Amino acid sequence: MLQHYPFVIKNFKAYFSNLYRRKVLRTTVVTPYSAIFYATHKCNLDCHYCTQKNPEVFSDELDTAATIELFRKIRKDVDTMLITGGECLMRPDIEELIRAARDEVKFRSLLVVTNGVLLDKRRSILPRLNGLVVSLDAMTHDPSEPMSKSAALPKVISNLMLAKEIL
């Protein structure tokens, strides 16, 4: 517990600073506790309910060096970052980004949101994560829509078992 005291003190400071800002200054501008980074809008599935596949939501991705520099700027204010997307594991440099976020930029907590299909191909990220969020919309295999999560369920379950062994 003692090793985490800088993190705890920083969060208490942010909490009381935000309380002061909200109650005394009457502002909604507060110190963030964490950041969410959208790595890409690309996805390897085509779920019927998803809005990420619409071209109007696509945006250009920063290159690797610019993204790591952005991480450095974010890290000045927050200890925790959640990486998501579309499917963040589709980004070609995601392993390098996660390595840099943990080892160079020193995020204390690093989480990834994924559909789980590519975990076996990106297994090097797993030891660097504090958490893994795998989005599922089915618990039974249905191969009738090959690009759906229900069709990918066996692969996702297998990858979750792999992640459990590594984490």
Protein backbone atom coordinates (compact mmCIF):
# COMPACT_ATOMS: atom_id res chain seq x y z
CA MET A 1 0.00 0.00 0.00
CA LEU A 2 2.84 2.36 0.85
CA GLN A 3 4.22 2.15 -2.70
CA HIS A 4 0.97 3.63 -4.02
CA TYR A 5 0.90 6.69 -1.76
CA PRO A 6 1.84 9.21 -4.52
CA PHE A 7 -1.08 7.95 -6.59
CA VAL A 8 -3.45 8.10 -3.62
CA ILE A 9 -2.32 11.61 -2.63
CA LYS A 10 -2.68 12.83 -6.23
CA ASN A 11 -6.23 11.47 -6.43
CA PHE A 12 -7.23 12.96 -3.06
CA LYS A 13 -5.80 16.30 -4.20
CA ALA A 14 -7.76 16.10 -7.47
CA TYR A 15 -10.92 15.11 -5.59
CA PHE A 16 -10.76 18.06 -3.17
CA SER A 17 -9.71 20.43 -5.95
CA ASN A 18 -12.73 19.33 -7.98
CA LEU A 19 -14.98 19.66 -4.94
CA TYR A 20 -13.73 23.24 -4.46
CA ARG A 21 -14.21 24.03 -8.16
CA ARG A 22 -17.76 22.65 -8.18
CA LYS A 23 -19.03 23.98 -4.82
CA VAL A 24 -17.12 27.25 -4.38
CA LEU A 25 -16.25 28.37 -7.89
CA ARG A 26 -19.47 26.87 -9.31
CA THR A 27 -17.74 25.56 -12.42
CA THR A 28 -18.10 22.32 -14.31
CA VAL A 29 -14.44 22.37 -15.39
CA VAL A 30 -12.70 19.78 -13.24
CA THR A 31 -9.41 17.90 -13.11
CA PRO A 32 -9.68 14.59 -15.00
CA TYR A 33 -8.96 11.27 -13.29
CA SER A 34 -8.43 9.27 -16.46
CA ALA A 35 -8.28 9.55 -20.24
CA ILE A 36 -9.90 7.59 -23.04
CA PHE A 37 -7.87 7.25 -26.23
CA TYR A 38 -9.58 6.23 -29.46
CA ALA A 39 -6.81 4.37 -31.28
CA THR A 40 -8.73 3.83 -34.52
CA HIS A 41 -12.21 3.74 -35.99
CA LYS A 42 -11.43 0.57 -37.95
CA CYS A 43 -12.97 -2.73 -36.94
CA ASN A 44 -12.60 -6.33 -38.05
CA LEU A 45 -16.29 -7.11 -37.46
CA ASP A 46 -19.45 -5.74 -39.02
CA CYS A 47 -21.99 -5.79 -36.21
CA HIS A 48 -25.38 -4.59 -37.44
CA TYR A 49 -25.93 -2.15 -34.53
CA CYS A 50 -22.51 -0.46 -34.64
CA THR A 51 -22.14 3.11 -35.85
CA GLN A 52 -18.34 2.90 -36.20
CA LYS A 53 -18.56 1.52 -39.73
CA ASN A 54 -20.07 4.71 -41.13
CA PRO A 55 -17.44 6.64 -43.12
CA GLU A 56 -18.43 9.97 -41.55
CA VAL A 57 -17.05 8.87 -38.17
CA PHE A 58 -13.65 7.89 -39.56
CA SER A 59 -10.75 10.17 -38.79
CA ASP A 60 -7.05 10.16 -39.55
CA GLU A 61 -4.82 8.49 -36.98
CA LEU A 62 -1.76 10.20 -35.60
CA ASP A 63 1.48 8.44 -36.47
CA THR A 64 3.26 6.46 -33.76
CA ALA A 65 5.64 9.21 -32.62
CA ALA A 66 2.88 11.84 -32.46
CA THR A 67 0.63 9.46 -30.54
CA ILE A 68 3.34 8.74 -27.97
CA GLU A 69 3.92 12.48 -27.60
CA LEU A 70 0.19 12.92 -27.03
CA PHE A 71 0.39 10.20 -24.34
CA ARG A 72 3.16 12.20 -22.61
CA LYS A 73 0.95 15.28 -22.53
CA ILE A 74 -2.03 13.31 -21.23
CA ARG A 75 0.10 11.63 -18.55
CA LYS A 76 0.90 14.99 -16.95
CA ASP A 77 -2.72 15.15 -15.78
CA VAL A 78 -3.89 11.56 -15.40
CA ASP A 79 -2.59 8.22 -14.17
CA THR A 80 -5.05 5.98 -16.01
CA MET A 81 -5.72 5.55 -19.70
CA LEU A 82 -8.28 3.39 -21.45
CA ILE A 83 -7.54 2.55 -25.07
CA THR A 84 -10.52 1.78 -27.27
CA GLY A 85 -11.72 2.23 -30.81
CA GLY A 86 -13.53 0.73 -33.31
CA GLU A 87 -11.26 -2.21 -32.64
CA CYS A 88 -8.03 -0.82 -31.20
CA LEU A 89 -6.11 -4.03 -31.93
CA MET A 90 -6.57 -3.31 -35.66
CA ARG A 91 -4.14 -0.42 -35.40
CA PRO A 92 -0.81 -1.64 -36.83
CA ASP A 93 1.31 0.06 -34.15
CA ILE A 94 -0.89 -0.80 -31.15
CA GLU A 95 1.76 -3.03 -29.56
CA GLU A 96 4.32 -0.22 -29.74
CA LEU A 97 1.80 2.29 -28.38
CA ILE A 98 0.91 0.12 -25.41
CA ARG A 99 4.58 -0.64 -24.72
CA ALA A 100 5.38 3.07 -24.76
CA ALA A 101 2.34 4.00 -22.65
CA ARG A 102 3.42 1.57 -19.93
CA ASP A 103 7.23 1.52 -20.11
CA GLU A 104 8.16 5.03 -21.28
CA VAL A 105 5.23 7.27 -20.41
CA LYS A 106 4.53 5.32 -17.20
CA PHE A 107 0.76 5.22 -17.01
CA ARG A 108 -0.02 3.57 -13.68
CA SER A 109 -3.13 1.92 -15.06
CA LEU A 110 -3.64 0.91 -18.66
CA LEU A 111 -6.83 -0.73 -19.93
CA VAL A 112 -7.92 -1.89 -23.37
CA VAL A 113 -11.43 -2.34 -24.76
CA THR A 114 -11.56 -4.93 -27.54
CA ASN A 115 -13.89 -7.36 -29.25
CA GLY A 116 -11.33 -10.05 -28.39
CA VAL A 117 -10.87 -11.52 -31.86
CA LEU A 118 -7.25 -10.39 -32.31
CA LEU A 119 -5.89 -11.00 -28.81
CA ASP A 120 -3.88 -14.04 -29.91
CA LYS A 121 -2.20 -11.95 -32.60
CA ARG A 122 -1.43 -9.11 -30.16
CA ARG A 123 -0.59 -11.16 -27.06
CA SER A 124 2.49 -9.04 -26.28
CA ILE A 125 0.17 -6.30 -24.97
CA LEU A 126 -1.34 -8.48 -22.25
CA PRO A 127 1.43 -8.33 -19.61
CA ARG A 128 1.42 -4.52 -19.80
CA LEU A 129 -2.31 -4.14 -19.10
CA ASN A 130 -4.05 -3.63 -15.78
CA GLY A 131 -7.39 -4.52 -17.29
CA LEU A 132 -8.98 -5.95 -20.37
CA VAL A 133 -12.57 -5.21 -21.34
CA VAL A 134 -13.96 -7.59 -23.94
CA SER A 135 -17.24 -6.61 -25.49
CA LEU A 136 -19.62 -9.47 -26.20
CA ASP A 137 -23.15 -9.38 -27.52
CA ALA A 138 -23.77 -13.13 -27.66
CA MET A 139 -23.19 -16.18 -25.53
CA THR A 140 -23.94 -18.72 -28.23
CA HIS A 141 -22.16 -19.33 -31.48
CA ASP A 142 -24.11 -18.32 -34.59
CA PRO A 143 -22.12 -18.64 -37.82
CA SER A 144 -24.94 -17.27 -39.99
CA GLU A 145 -23.41 -13.75 -40.01
CA PRO A 146 -19.65 -14.41 -40.41
CA MET A 147 -18.61 -10.85 -39.50
CA SER A 148 -20.69 -10.71 -36.29
CA LYS A 149 -19.55 -11.20 -32.72
CA SER A 150 -21.74 -14.28 -32.36
CA ALA A 151 -19.89 -15.88 -35.29
CA ALA A 152 -16.55 -14.97 -33.69
CA LEU A 153 -17.53 -16.24 -30.24
CA PRO A 154 -15.40 -19.44 -30.25
CA LYS A 155 -12.31 -17.40 -31.22
CA VAL A 156 -13.05 -14.79 -28.54
CA ILE A 157 -13.53 -17.43 -25.83
CA SER A 158 -10.27 -19.10 -26.85
CA ASN A 159 -8.50 -15.73 -26.72
CA LEU A 160 -9.95 -15.00 -23.28
CA MET A 161 -8.48 -18.28 -22.03
CA LEU A 162 -5.13 -17.21 -23.50
CA ALA A 163 -5.40 -13.83 -21.78
CA LYS A 164 -6.26 -15.49 -18.47
CA GLU A 165 -3.06 -17.56 -18.68
CA ILE A 166 -0.90 -14.51 -19.43
CA LEU A 167 -2.52 -12.06 -17.03
